[in-house]
């Protein structure tokens, strides 16, 4: 078998963190928007960029942690 319990746990933690951080970024940018309709459009674009960067960093960090943990076993 190519995957085991360790890979499953890492992927579950990553999915949880992705959901939490994407939701938090979206909520924060949505609740602090100013400037009417143009501000909403700008906030949506910023949310996409910030969420992408945040999720990329989380993915790199969690993958590095997962590789270290799984290699030890």
PDB file of N, CA and C in Angstrom:
ATOM      1  N   UNK A   1       0.843  -1.177   0.000  1.00  0.00           N
ATOM      2  CA  UNK A   1       0.000   0.000   0.000  1.00  0.00           C
ATOM      3  C   UNK A   1       0.892   1.244   0.000  1.00  0.00           C
ATOM      4  N   UNK A   2       0.590   2.200  -0.861  1.00  0.00           N
ATOM      5  CA  UNK A   2       1.426   3.389  -0.991  1.00  0.00           C
ATOM      6  C   UNK A   2       1.136   4.448   0.059  1.00  0.00           C
ATOM      7  N   UNK A   3      -0.037   4.424   0.629  1.00  0.00           N
ATOM      8  CA  UNK A   3      -0.377   5.396   1.666  1.00  0.00           C
ATOM      9  C   UNK A   3      -0.776   4.669   2.928  1.00  0.00           C
ATOM     10  N   UNK A   4      -0.615   5.361   4.010  1.00  0.00           N
ATOM     11  CA  UNK A   4      -0.965   4.775   5.284  1.00  0.00           C
ATOM     12  C   UNK A   4      -1.675   5.790   6.156  1.00  0.00           C
ATOM     13  N   UNK A   5      -1.745   5.474   7.417  1.00  0.00           N
ATOM     14  CA  UNK A   5      -2.429   6.339   8.371  1.00  0.00           C
ATOM     15  C   UNK A   5      -1.728   7.692   8.498  1.00  0.00           C
ATOM     16  N   UNK A   6      -0.410   7.705   8.412  1.00  0.00           N
ATOM     17  CA  UNK A   6       0.330   8.963   8.523  1.00  0.00           C
ATOM     18  C   UNK A   6      -0.023   9.943   7.416  1.00  0.00           C
ATOM     19  N   UNK A   7      -0.066   9.457   6.174  1.00  0.00           N
ATOM     20  CA  UNK A   7      -0.431  10.314   5.043  1.00  0.00           C
ATOM     21  C   UNK A   7      -1.863  10.800   5.166  1.00  0.00           C
ATOM     22  N   UNK A   8      -2.742   9.930   5.645  1.00  0.00           N
ATOM     23  CA  UNK A   8      -4.139  10.315   5.827  1.00  0.00           C
ATOM     24  C   UNK A   8      -4.262  11.422   6.869  1.00  0.00           C
ATOM     25  N   UNK A   9      -3.555  11.294   7.973  1.00  0.00           N
ATOM     26  CA  UNK A   9      -3.630  12.307   9.029  1.00  0.00           C
ATOM     27  C   UNK A   9      -3.073  13.645   8.550  1.00  0.00           C
ATOM     28  N   UNK A  10      -1.954  13.617   7.835  1.00  0.00           N
ATOM     29  CA  UNK A  10      -1.376  14.857   7.310  1.00  0.00           C
ATOM     30  C   UNK A  10      -2.364  15.531   6.360  1.00  0.00           C
ATOM     31  N   UNK A  11      -2.981  14.764   5.484  1.00  0.00           N
ATOM     32  CA  UNK A  11      -3.924  15.358   4.530  1.00  0.00           C
ATOM     33  C   UNK A  11      -5.167  15.902   5.227  1.00  0.00           C
ATOM     34  N   UNK A  12      -5.612  15.253   6.283  1.00  0.00           N
ATOM     35  CA  UNK A  12      -6.765  15.753   7.036  1.00  0.00           C
ATOM     36  C   UNK A  12      -6.434  17.066   7.745  1.00  0.00           C
ATOM     37  N   UNK A  13      -5.261  17.147   8.338  1.00  0.00           N
ATOM     38  CA  UNK A  13      -4.842  18.384   9.009  1.00  0.00           C
ATOM     39  C   UNK A  13      -4.693  19.507   7.991  1.00  0.00           C
ATOM     40  N   UNK A  14      -4.098  19.210   6.843  1.00  0.00           N
ATOM     41  CA  UNK A  14      -3.945  20.226   5.796  1.00  0.00           C
ATOM     42  C   UNK A  14      -5.306  20.714   5.315  1.00  0.00           C
ATOM     43  N   UNK A  15      -6.237  19.813   5.087  1.00  0.00           N
ATOM     44  CA  UNK A  15      -7.571  20.211   4.629  1.00  0.00           C
ATOM     45  C   UNK A  15      -8.267  21.083   5.669  1.00  0.00           C
ATOM     46  N   UNK A  16      -8.132  20.722   6.935  1.00  0.00           N
ATOM     47  CA  UNK A  16      -8.719  21.518   8.016  1.00  0.00           C
ATOM     48  C   UNK A  16      -8.124  22.925   8.039  1.00  0.00           C
ATOM     49  N   UNK A  17      -6.794  23.011   7.974  1.00  0.00           N
ATOM     50  CA  UNK A  17      -6.138  24.320   8.001  1.00  0.00           C
ATOM     51  C   UNK A  17      -6.473  25.143   6.763  1.00  0.00           C
ATOM     52  N   UNK A  18      -6.550  24.501   5.607  1.00  0.00           N
ATOM     53  CA  UNK A  18      -6.925  25.219   4.384  1.00  0.00           C
ATOM     54  C   UNK A  18      -8.307  25.851   4.549  1.00  0.00           C
ATOM     55  N   UNK A  19      -9.250  25.081   5.043  1.00  0.00           N
ATOM     56  CA  UNK A  19     -10.612  25.591   5.225  1.00  0.00           C
ATOM     57  C   UNK A  19     -10.685  26.722   6.227  1.00  0.00           C
ATOM     58  N   UNK A  20      -9.996  26.553   7.349  1.00  0.00           N
ATOM     59  CA  UNK A  20     -10.006  27.590   8.384  1.00  0.00           C
ATOM     60  C   UNK A  20      -9.396  28.880   7.856  1.00  0.00           C
ATOM     61  N   UNK A  21      -8.213  28.800   7.280  1.00  0.00           N
ATOM     62  CA  UNK A  21      -7.526  30.016   6.852  1.00  0.00           C
ATOM     63  C   UNK A  21      -8.207  30.674   5.656  1.00  0.00           C
ATOM     64  N   UNK A  22      -8.702  29.912   4.708  1.00  0.00           N
ATOM     65  CA  UNK A  22      -9.421  30.506   3.573  1.00  0.00           C
ATOM     66  C   UNK A  22     -10.681  31.214   4.063  1.00  0.00           C
ATOM     67  N   UNK A  23     -11.386  30.599   4.990  1.00  0.00           N
ATOM     68  CA  UNK A  23     -12.580  31.222   5.560  1.00  0.00           C
ATOM     69  C   UNK A  23     -12.267  32.473   6.352  1.00  0.00           C
ATOM     70  N   UNK A  24     -11.202  32.426   7.152  1.00  0.00           N
ATOM     71  CA  UNK A  24     -10.827  33.594   7.944  1.00  0.00           C
ATOM     72  C   UNK A  24     -10.399  34.766   7.070  1.00  0.00           C
ATOM     73  N   UNK A  25      -9.628  34.487   6.036  1.00  0.00           N
ATOM     74  CA  UNK A  25      -9.201  35.559   5.130  1.00  0.00           C
ATOM     75  C   UNK A  25     -10.417  36.168   4.444  1.00  0.00           C
ATOM     76  N   UNK A  26     -11.315  35.337   3.953  1.00  0.00           N
ATOM     77  CA  UNK A  26     -12.517  35.834   3.290  1.00  0.00           C
ATOM     78  C   UNK A  26     -13.408  36.640   4.218  1.00  0.00           C
ATOM     79  N   UNK A  27     -13.593  36.155   5.434  1.00  0.00           N
ATOM     80  CA  UNK A  27     -14.418  36.884   6.404  1.00  0.00           C
ATOM     81  C   UNK A  27     -13.787  38.215   6.782  1.00  0.00           C
ATOM     82  N   UNK A  28     -12.499  38.207   7.032  1.00  0.00           N
ATOM     83  CA  UNK A  28     -11.830  39.451   7.419  1.00  0.00           C
ATOM     84  C   UNK A  28     -11.926  40.494   6.312  1.00  0.00           C
ATOM     85  N   UNK A  29     -11.609  40.096   5.086  1.00  0.00           N
ATOM     86  CA  UNK A  29     -11.651  41.065   3.978  1.00  0.00           C
ATOM     87  C   UNK A  29     -13.090  41.499   3.703  1.00  0.00           C
ATOM     88  N   UNK A  30     -14.047  40.614   3.861  1.00  0.00           N
ATOM     89  CA  UNK A  30     -15.444  40.970   3.632  1.00  0.00           C
ATOM     90  C   UNK A  30     -15.998  41.907   4.683  1.00  0.00           C
ATOM     91  N   UNK A  31     -15.562  41.738   5.921  1.00  0.00           N
ATOM     92  CA  UNK A  31     -16.075  42.580   7.003  1.00  0.00           C
ATOM     93  C   UNK A  31     -15.383  43.932   7.098  1.00  0.00           C
ATOM     94  N   UNK A  32     -14.230  44.087   6.483  1.00  0.00           N
ATOM     95  CA  UNK A  32     -13.497  45.353   6.576  1.00  0.00           C
ATOM     96  C   UNK A  32     -13.492  46.125   5.262  1.00  0.00           C
ATOM     97  N   UNK A  33     -14.360  45.759   4.333  1.00  0.00           N
ATOM     98  CA  UNK A  33     -14.377  46.417   3.025  1.00  0.00           C
ATOM     99  C   UNK A  33     -14.959  47.825   3.145  1.00  0.00           C
ATOM    100  N   UNK A  34     -14.378  48.738   2.389  1.00  0.00           N
ATOM    101  CA  UNK A  34     -14.858  50.117   2.331  1.00  0.00           C
ATOM    102  C   UNK A  34     -14.820  50.566   0.875  1.00  0.00           C
ATOM    103  N   UNK A  35     -15.616  51.543   0.530  1.00  0.00           N
ATOM    104  CA  UNK A  35     -15.553  52.105  -0.810  1.00  0.00           C
ATOM    105  C   UNK A  35     -16.652  51.660  -1.751  1.00  0.00           C
ATOM    106  N   UNK A  36     -17.723  51.109  -1.228  1.00  0.00           N
ATOM    107  CA  UNK A  36     -18.850  50.741  -2.076  1.00  0.00           C
ATOM    108  C   UNK A  36     -18.561  49.561  -2.988  1.00  0.00           C
ATOM    109  N   UNK A  37     -19.224  49.523  -4.138  1.00  0.00           N
ATOM    110  CA  UNK A  37     -19.067  48.385  -5.048  1.00  0.00           C
ATOM    111  C   UNK A  37     -17.633  48.184  -5.535  1.00  0.00           C
ATOM    112  N   UNK A  38     -16.922  49.274  -5.781  1.00  0.00           N
ATOM    113  CA  UNK A  38     -15.528  49.140  -6.209  1.00  0.00           C
ATOM    114  C   UNK A  38     -14.693  48.527  -5.088  1.00  0.00           C
ATOM    115  N   UNK A  39     -14.959  48.929  -3.858  1.00  0.00           N
ATOM    116  CA  UNK A  39     -14.248  48.361  -2.718  1.00  0.00           C
ATOM    117  C   UNK A  39     -14.509  46.876  -2.560  1.00  0.00           C
ATOM    118  N   UNK A  40     -15.740  46.462  -2.848  1.00  0.00           N
ATOM    119  CA  UNK A  40     -16.071  45.033  -2.764  1.00  0.00           C
ATOM    120  C   UNK A  40     -15.288  44.252  -3.819  1.00  0.00           C
ATOM    121  N   UNK A  41     -15.237  44.777  -5.031  1.00  0.00           N
ATOM    122  CA  UNK A  41     -14.469  44.109  -6.089  1.00  0.00           C
ATOM    123  C   UNK A  41     -12.997  44.013  -5.748  1.00  0.00           C
ATOM    124  N   UNK A  42     -12.448  45.106  -5.214  1.00  0.00           N
ATOM    125  CA  UNK A  42     -11.039  45.094  -4.807  1.00  0.00           C
ATOM    126  C   UNK A  42     -10.805  44.102  -3.669  1.00  0.00           C
ATOM    127  N   UNK A  43     -11.748  44.053  -2.722  1.00  0.00           N
ATOM    128  CA  UNK A  43     -11.613  43.132  -1.590  1.00  0.00           C
ATOM    129  C   UNK A  43     -11.655  41.679  -2.057  1.00  0.00           C
ATOM    130  N   UNK A  44     -12.491  41.388  -3.041  1.00  0.00           N
ATOM    131  CA  UNK A  44     -12.561  40.021  -3.574  1.00  0.00           C
ATOM    132  C   UNK A  44     -11.232  39.640  -4.211  1.00  0.00           C
ATOM    133  N   UNK A  45     -10.675  40.538  -5.009  1.00  0.00           N
ATOM    134  CA  UNK A  45      -9.380  40.258  -5.638  1.00  0.00           C
ATOM    135  C   UNK A  45      -8.285  40.077  -4.596  1.00  0.00           C
ATOM    136  N   UNK A  46      -8.268  40.934  -3.585  1.00  0.00           N
ATOM    137  CA  UNK A  46      -7.272  40.809  -2.520  1.00  0.00           C
ATOM    138  C   UNK A  46      -7.459  39.509  -1.753  1.00  0.00           C
ATOM    139  N   UNK A  47      -8.706  39.125  -1.530  1.00  0.00           N
ATOM    140  CA  UNK A  47      -8.979  37.878  -0.816  1.00  0.00           C
ATOM    141  C   UNK A  47      -8.415  36.682  -1.564  1.00  0.00           C
ATOM    142  N   UNK A  48      -8.597  36.658  -2.861  1.00  0.00           N
ATOM    143  CA  UNK A  48      -8.079  35.548  -3.666  1.00  0.00           C
ATOM    144  C   UNK A  48      -6.561  35.490  -3.563  1.00  0.00           C
ATOM    145  N   UNK A  49      -5.909  36.633  -3.679  1.00  0.00           N
ATOM    146  CA  UNK A  49      -4.443  36.667  -3.620  1.00  0.00           C
ATOM    147  C   UNK A  49      -3.950  36.279  -2.232  1.00  0.00           C
ATOM    148  N   UNK A  50      -4.528  36.882  -1.186  1.00  0.00           N
ATOM    149  CA  UNK A  50      -4.091  36.577   0.181  1.00  0.00           C
ATOM    150  C   UNK A  50      -4.343  35.115   0.535  1.00  0.00           C
ATOM    151  N   UNK A  51      -5.498  34.595   0.144  1.00  0.00           N
ATOM    152  CA  UNK A  51      -5.808  33.196   0.444  1.00  0.00           C
ATOM    153  C   UNK A  51      -4.848  32.262  -0.286  1.00  0.00           C
ATOM    154  N   UNK A  52      -4.537  32.563  -1.542  1.00  0.00           N
ATOM    155  CA  UNK A  52      -3.595  31.729  -2.293  1.00  0.00           C
ATOM    156  C   UNK A  52      -2.233  31.706  -1.616  1.00  0.00           C
ATOM    157  N   UNK A  53      -1.737  32.872  -1.233  1.00  0.00           N
ATOM    158  CA  UNK A  53      -0.429  32.946  -0.574  1.00  0.00           C
ATOM    159  C   UNK A  53      -0.457  32.199   0.750  1.00  0.00           C
ATOM    160  N   UNK A  54      -1.503  32.416   1.522  1.00  0.00           N
ATOM    161  CA  UNK A  54      -1.632  31.764   2.829  1.00  0.00           C
ATOM    162  C   UNK A  54      -1.682  30.241   2.672  1.00  0.00           C
ATOM    163  N   UNK A  55      -2.471  29.760   1.735  1.00  0.00           N
ATOM    164  CA  UNK A  55      -2.591  28.317   1.542  1.00  0.00           C
ATOM    165  C   UNK A  55      -1.313  27.712   0.977  1.00  0.00           C
ATOM    166  N   UNK A  56      -0.606  28.458   0.152  1.00  0.00           N
ATOM    167  CA  UNK A  56       0.673  27.974  -0.359  1.00  0.00           C
ATOM    168  C   UNK A  56       1.668  27.792   0.788  1.00  0.00           C
ATOM    169  N   UNK A  57       1.743  28.780   1.677  1.00  0.00           N
ATOM    170  CA  UNK A  57       2.667  28.696   2.816  1.00  0.00           C
ATOM    171  C   UNK A  57       2.276  27.537   3.731  1.00  0.00           C
ATOM    172  N   UNK A  58       0.991  27.397   4.012  1.00  0.00           N
ATOM    173  CA  UNK A  58       0.532  26.289   4.855  1.00  0.00           C
ATOM    174  C   UNK A  58       0.887  24.954   4.213  1.00  0.00           C
ATOM    175  N   UNK A  59       0.706  24.839   2.913  1.00  0.00           N
ATOM    176  CA  UNK A  59       1.018  23.595   2.216  1.00  0.00           C
ATOM    177  C   UNK A  59       2.503  23.266   2.313  1.00  0.00           C
ATOM    178  N   UNK A  60       3.360  24.254   2.109  1.00  0.00           N
ATOM    179  CA  UNK A  60       4.807  24.018   2.186  1.00  0.00           C
ATOM    180  C   UNK A  60       5.202  23.587   3.593  1.00  0.00           C
ATOM    181  N   UNK A  61       4.706  24.302   4.596  1.00  0.00           N
ATOM    182  CA  UNK A  61       5.074  23.991   5.982  1.00  0.00           C
ATOM    183  C   UNK A  61       4.552  22.613   6.386  1.00  0.00           C
ATOM    184  N   UNK A  62       3.284  22.336   6.091  1.00  0.00           N
ATOM    185  CA  UNK A  62       2.716  21.049   6.492  1.00  0.00           C
ATOM    186  C   UNK A  62       3.348  19.885   5.732  1.00  0.00           C
ATOM    187  N   UNK A  63       3.717  20.094   4.487  1.00  0.00           N
ATOM    188  CA  UNK A  63       4.396  19.041   3.735  1.00  0.00           C
ATOM    189  C   UNK A  63       5.772  18.768   4.322  1.00  0.00           C
ATOM    190  N   UNK A  64       6.491  19.820   4.687  1.00  0.00           N
ATOM    191  CA  UNK A  64       7.809  19.638   5.306  1.00  0.00           C
ATOM    192  C   UNK A  64       7.686  18.896   6.634  1.00  0.00           C
ATOM    193  N   UNK A  65       6.703  19.269   7.426  1.00  0.00           N
ATOM    194  CA  UNK A  65       6.486  18.576   8.702  1.00  0.00           C
ATOM    195  C   UNK A  65       6.096  17.124   8.445  1.00  0.00           C
ATOM    196  N   UNK A  66       5.201  16.902   7.491  1.00  0.00           N
ATOM    197  CA  UNK A  66       4.757  15.548   7.182  1.00  0.00           C
ATOM    198  C   UNK A  66       5.875  14.661   6.691  1.00  0.00           C
ATOM    199  N   UNK A  67       6.741  15.193   5.850  1.00  0.00           N
ATOM    200  CA  UNK A  67       7.866  14.408   5.344  1.00  0.00           C
ATOM    201  C   UNK A  67       8.792  14.028   6.486  1.00  0.00           C
ATOM    202  N   UNK A  68       9.071  14.970   7.367  1.00  0.00           N
ATOM    203  CA  UNK A  68       9.954  14.661   8.504  1.00  0.00           C
ATOM    204  C   UNK A  68       9.344  13.609   9.416  1.00  0.00           C
ATOM    205  N   UNK A  69       8.060  13.739   9.695  1.00  0.00           N
ATOM    206  CA  UNK A  69       7.399  12.793  10.594  1.00  0.00           C
ATOM    207  C   UNK A  69       7.319  11.411   9.950  1.00  0.00           C
ATOM    208  N   UNK A  70       6.967  11.366   8.674  1.00  0.00           N
ATOM    209  CA  UNK A  70       6.772  10.076   8.014  1.00  0.00           C
ATOM    210  C   UNK A  70       8.085   9.374   7.700  1.00  0.00           C
ATOM    211  N   UNK A  71       9.158  10.113   7.482  1.00  0.00           N
ATOM    212  CA  UNK A  71      10.456   9.493   7.193  1.00  0.00           C
ATOM    213  C   UNK A  71      11.008   8.816   8.443  1.00  0.00           C
ATOM    214  N   UNK A  72      10.701   9.352   9.614  1.00  0.00           N
ATOM    215  CA  UNK A  72      11.201   8.765  10.864  1.00  0.00           C
ATOM    216  C   UNK A  72      10.606   7.390  11.124  1.00  0.00           C
ATOM    217  N   UNK A  73       9.426   7.117  10.556  1.00  0.00           N
ATOM    218  CA  UNK A  73       8.785   5.819  10.812  1.00  0.00           C
ATOM    219  C   UNK A  73       9.246   4.807   9.848  1.00  0.00           C
TER     220      UNK A  73
END
